[in-house]
Amino acid sequence: MNKQNSLSSTVAARIRAVVAAKRLTVSTVSGFLNISVDAVKRRLRGEVEFSLSQIEAFAEYTGYQPEAFLDPQFVLTSQEVAA
């Protein structure tokens, strides 16, 4: 996968940001995406693309709209920004 400015790498970076901001474990993400921990790690590193259904499940769990991960103006919600 080409990691340079691809949509899938952008989505992975945004999901990593939310994982960090919400202090989610890879195991937790694995549970609600219903995939293995290794599969989550590959997606977070950008080696494998997140499917649309996985983006939707992640957004639902974290309180985002799925399209937010595709929006050019993505911003973490204020409650997630660390002080």
N, C-alpha and C. Protein backbone atom coordinates (compact mmCIF):
# COMPACT_ATOMS: atom_id res chain seq x y z
N MET A 1 0.85 -1.19 0.00
CA MET A 1 0.00 0.00 0.00
C MET A 1 0.89 1.24 0.00
N ASN A 2 0.57 2.21 -0.80
CA ASN A 2 1.29 3.46 -0.83
C ASN A 2 0.86 4.32 0.34
N LYS A 3 1.81 4.58 1.26
CA LYS A 3 1.46 5.32 2.47
C LYS A 3 1.48 6.83 2.28
N GLN A 4 1.96 7.30 1.16
CA GLN A 4 2.11 8.74 0.96
C GLN A 4 0.77 9.38 0.59
N ASN A 5 0.18 10.05 1.55
CA ASN A 5 -1.03 10.84 1.34
C ASN A 5 -2.21 10.05 0.78
N SER A 6 -2.24 8.76 0.99
CA SER A 6 -3.39 7.99 0.52
C SER A 6 -4.53 8.14 1.51
N LEU A 7 -5.73 7.95 1.03
CA LEU A 7 -6.90 8.04 1.89
C LEU A 7 -6.82 7.01 3.02
N SER A 8 -6.38 5.81 2.70
CA SER A 8 -6.31 4.78 3.74
C SER A 8 -5.28 5.13 4.81
N SER A 9 -4.17 5.74 4.44
CA SER A 9 -3.19 6.14 5.46
C SER A 9 -3.71 7.31 6.29
N THR A 10 -4.48 8.17 5.68
CA THR A 10 -5.09 9.28 6.42
C THR A 10 -6.09 8.75 7.44
N VAL A 11 -6.92 7.79 7.02
CA VAL A 11 -7.89 7.20 7.94
C VAL A 11 -7.16 6.50 9.09
N ALA A 12 -6.12 5.74 8.78
CA ALA A 12 -5.36 5.05 9.82
C ALA A 12 -4.76 6.04 10.82
N ALA A 13 -4.23 7.14 10.32
CA ALA A 13 -3.65 8.16 11.21
C ALA A 13 -4.71 8.78 12.10
N ARG A 14 -5.87 9.02 11.56
CA ARG A 14 -6.96 9.61 12.35
C ARG A 14 -7.46 8.62 13.40
N ILE A 15 -7.56 7.37 13.03
CA ILE A 15 -7.98 6.36 14.00
C ILE A 15 -6.92 6.22 15.09
N ARG A 16 -5.64 6.23 14.73
CA ARG A 16 -4.58 6.18 15.74
C ARG A 16 -4.70 7.36 16.70
N ALA A 17 -5.02 8.54 16.17
CA ALA A 17 -5.15 9.73 17.02
C ALA A 17 -6.30 9.56 18.02
N VAL A 18 -7.41 9.02 17.57
CA VAL A 18 -8.54 8.81 18.47
C VAL A 18 -8.23 7.71 19.48
N VAL A 19 -7.56 6.66 19.05
CA VAL A 19 -7.16 5.59 19.97
C VAL A 19 -6.30 6.18 21.08
N ALA A 20 -5.34 7.01 20.70
CA ALA A 20 -4.45 7.63 21.70
C ALA A 20 -5.22 8.60 22.60
N ALA A 21 -6.05 9.44 22.00
CA ALA A 21 -6.77 10.46 22.77
C ALA A 21 -7.74 9.83 23.77
N LYS A 22 -8.36 8.74 23.37
CA LYS A 22 -9.32 8.08 24.25
C LYS A 22 -8.65 7.01 25.11
N ARG A 23 -7.35 6.85 24.92
CA ARG A 23 -6.56 5.87 25.66
C ARG A 23 -7.15 4.46 25.54
N LEU A 24 -7.51 4.12 24.31
CA LEU A 24 -8.03 2.78 24.04
C LEU A 24 -6.86 1.81 23.86
N THR A 25 -7.04 0.59 24.32
CA THR A 25 -6.03 -0.42 24.08
C THR A 25 -6.32 -1.09 22.74
N VAL A 26 -5.28 -1.69 22.18
CA VAL A 26 -5.46 -2.44 20.93
C VAL A 26 -6.43 -3.60 21.18
N SER A 27 -6.37 -4.17 22.35
CA SER A 27 -7.27 -5.26 22.70
C SER A 27 -8.73 -4.79 22.70
N THR A 28 -8.98 -3.61 23.22
CA THR A 28 -10.34 -3.06 23.22
C THR A 28 -10.82 -2.85 21.79
N VAL A 29 -9.98 -2.25 20.96
CA VAL A 29 -10.34 -2.02 19.55
C VAL A 29 -10.59 -3.36 18.87
N SER A 30 -9.74 -4.33 19.15
CA SER A 30 -9.91 -5.66 18.58
C SER A 30 -11.28 -6.24 18.93
N GLY A 31 -11.69 -6.03 20.17
CA GLY A 31 -12.97 -6.56 20.62
C GLY A 31 -14.16 -5.98 19.89
N PHE A 32 -14.21 -4.65 19.77
CA PHE A 32 -15.40 -4.09 19.13
C PHE A 32 -15.35 -4.13 17.61
N LEU A 33 -14.16 -4.33 17.03
CA LEU A 33 -14.08 -4.53 15.58
C LEU A 33 -14.22 -6.00 15.22
N ASN A 34 -14.14 -6.87 16.24
CA ASN A 34 -14.28 -8.31 16.05
C ASN A 34 -13.20 -8.86 15.11
N ILE A 35 -11.96 -8.38 15.30
CA ILE A 35 -10.81 -8.90 14.57
C ILE A 35 -9.68 -9.11 15.59
N SER A 36 -8.65 -9.80 15.19
CA SER A 36 -7.56 -10.11 16.12
C SER A 36 -6.74 -8.86 16.46
N VAL A 37 -6.00 -8.95 17.55
CA VAL A 37 -5.11 -7.86 17.96
C VAL A 37 -4.09 -7.59 16.85
N ASP A 38 -3.53 -8.66 16.28
CA ASP A 38 -2.56 -8.48 15.20
C ASP A 38 -3.18 -7.77 13.99
N ALA A 39 -4.43 -8.10 13.68
CA ALA A 39 -5.11 -7.45 12.55
C ALA A 39 -5.30 -5.97 12.83
N VAL A 40 -5.63 -5.62 14.06
CA VAL A 40 -5.78 -4.20 14.44
C VAL A 40 -4.44 -3.49 14.28
N LYS A 41 -3.38 -4.11 14.77
CA LYS A 41 -2.05 -3.50 14.69
C LYS A 41 -1.64 -3.25 13.24
N ARG A 42 -1.91 -4.21 12.35
CA ARG A 42 -1.59 -4.02 10.93
C ARG A 42 -2.37 -2.86 10.34
N ARG A 43 -3.60 -2.70 10.74
CA ARG A 43 -4.41 -1.59 10.24
C ARG A 43 -3.92 -0.26 10.81
N LEU A 44 -3.60 -0.23 12.08
CA LEU A 44 -3.11 1.01 12.69
C LEU A 44 -1.78 1.45 12.09
N ARG A 45 -0.94 0.49 11.69
CA ARG A 45 0.34 0.81 11.06
C ARG A 45 0.17 1.18 9.59
N GLY A 46 -1.02 0.97 9.05
CA GLY A 46 -1.27 1.29 7.65
C GLY A 46 -0.87 0.20 6.68
N GLU A 47 -0.57 -0.99 7.19
CA GLU A 47 -0.18 -2.10 6.33
C GLU A 47 -1.38 -2.73 5.64
N VAL A 48 -2.54 -2.64 6.28
CA VAL A 48 -3.80 -3.17 5.76
C VAL A 48 -4.84 -2.06 5.92
N GLU A 49 -5.70 -1.91 4.93
CA GLU A 49 -6.71 -0.87 5.00
C GLU A 49 -7.84 -1.24 5.96
N PHE A 50 -8.39 -0.23 6.64
CA PHE A 50 -9.62 -0.41 7.39
C PHE A 50 -10.76 -0.52 6.39
N SER A 51 -11.67 -1.46 6.59
CA SER A 51 -12.85 -1.56 5.73
C SER A 51 -13.84 -0.47 6.15
N LEU A 52 -14.77 -0.20 5.28
CA LEU A 52 -15.79 0.79 5.63
C LEU A 52 -16.60 0.34 6.84
N SER A 53 -16.89 -0.95 6.94
CA SER A 53 -17.65 -1.43 8.10
C SER A 53 -16.82 -1.29 9.38
N GLN A 54 -15.52 -1.46 9.30
CA GLN A 54 -14.66 -1.26 10.47
C GLN A 54 -14.59 0.21 10.86
N ILE A 55 -14.52 1.10 9.88
CA ILE A 55 -14.55 2.54 10.17
C ILE A 55 -15.87 2.90 10.83
N GLU A 56 -16.95 2.35 10.32
CA GLU A 56 -18.27 2.61 10.89
C GLU A 56 -18.36 2.11 12.33
N ALA A 57 -17.86 0.91 12.60
CA ALA A 57 -17.89 0.35 13.96
C ALA A 57 -17.01 1.17 14.89
N PHE A 58 -15.83 1.59 14.42
CA PHE A 58 -14.94 2.40 15.24
C PHE A 58 -15.59 3.73 15.57
N ALA A 59 -16.20 4.36 14.57
CA ALA A 59 -16.86 5.65 14.78
C ALA A 59 -18.01 5.51 15.77
N GLU A 60 -18.80 4.48 15.63
CA GLU A 60 -19.92 4.27 16.55
C GLU A 60 -19.42 4.10 17.98
N TYR A 61 -18.37 3.32 18.16
CA TYR A 61 -17.85 3.06 19.50
C TYR A 61 -17.25 4.33 20.12
N THR A 62 -16.62 5.17 19.30
CA THR A 62 -15.92 6.34 19.82
C THR A 62 -16.75 7.63 19.78
N GLY A 63 -17.94 7.56 19.22
CA GLY A 63 -18.81 8.73 19.22
C GLY A 63 -18.63 9.67 18.04
N TYR A 64 -17.98 9.21 17.00
CA TYR A 64 -17.80 10.01 15.79
C TYR A 64 -18.79 9.57 14.73
N GLN A 65 -18.96 10.41 13.73
CA GLN A 65 -19.68 10.02 12.53
C GLN A 65 -18.64 9.36 11.62
N PRO A 66 -18.99 8.27 10.95
CA PRO A 66 -18.00 7.57 10.11
C PRO A 66 -17.33 8.48 9.09
N GLU A 67 -18.09 9.37 8.52
CA GLU A 67 -17.53 10.25 7.49
C GLU A 67 -16.49 11.23 8.05
N ALA A 68 -16.46 11.41 9.36
CA ALA A 68 -15.47 12.30 9.97
C ALA A 68 -14.05 11.82 9.70
N PHE A 69 -13.88 10.51 9.58
CA PHE A 69 -12.54 9.97 9.33
C PHE A 69 -12.09 10.18 7.89
N LEU A 70 -13.02 10.61 7.03
CA LEU A 70 -12.72 10.88 5.63
C LEU A 70 -12.72 12.37 5.32
N ASP A 71 -13.18 13.18 6.25
CA ASP A 71 -13.33 14.63 6.07
C ASP A 71 -11.96 15.31 6.07
N PRO A 72 -11.69 16.18 5.09
CA PRO A 72 -10.40 16.89 5.06
C PRO A 72 -10.17 17.76 6.29
N GLN A 73 -11.22 18.15 7.00
CA GLN A 73 -11.10 19.04 8.15
C GLN A 73 -11.30 18.30 9.47
N PHE A 74 -10.81 17.08 9.58
CA PHE A 74 -10.96 16.27 10.79
C PHE A 74 -10.32 16.95 11.99
N VAL A 75 -11.06 16.96 13.11
CA VAL A 75 -10.57 17.53 14.35
C VAL A 75 -11.03 16.64 15.49
N LEU A 76 -10.11 16.34 16.43
CA LEU A 76 -10.51 15.62 17.62
C LEU A 76 -11.50 16.46 18.38
N THR A 77 -12.50 15.84 18.99
CA THR A 77 -13.45 16.60 19.79
C THR A 77 -12.73 17.20 20.98
N SER A 78 -13.22 18.32 21.47
CA SER A 78 -12.53 19.06 22.53
C SER A 78 -12.34 18.25 23.80
N GLN A 79 -13.25 17.35 24.10
CA GLN A 79 -13.14 16.55 25.32
C GLN A 79 -12.00 15.54 25.24
N GLU A 80 -11.48 15.28 24.04
CA GLU A 80 -10.41 14.30 23.87
C GLU A 80 -9.02 14.92 23.87
N VAL A 81 -8.93 16.19 23.64
CA VAL A 81 -7.63 16.84 23.56
C VAL A 81 -7.03 16.89 24.96
N ALA A 82 -5.87 16.28 25.10
CA ALA A 82 -5.20 16.21 26.41
C ALA A 82 -4.76 17.60 26.86
N ALA A 83 -4.88 17.82 28.14
CA ALA A 83 -4.49 19.11 28.70
C ALA A 83 -3.00 19.19 28.87
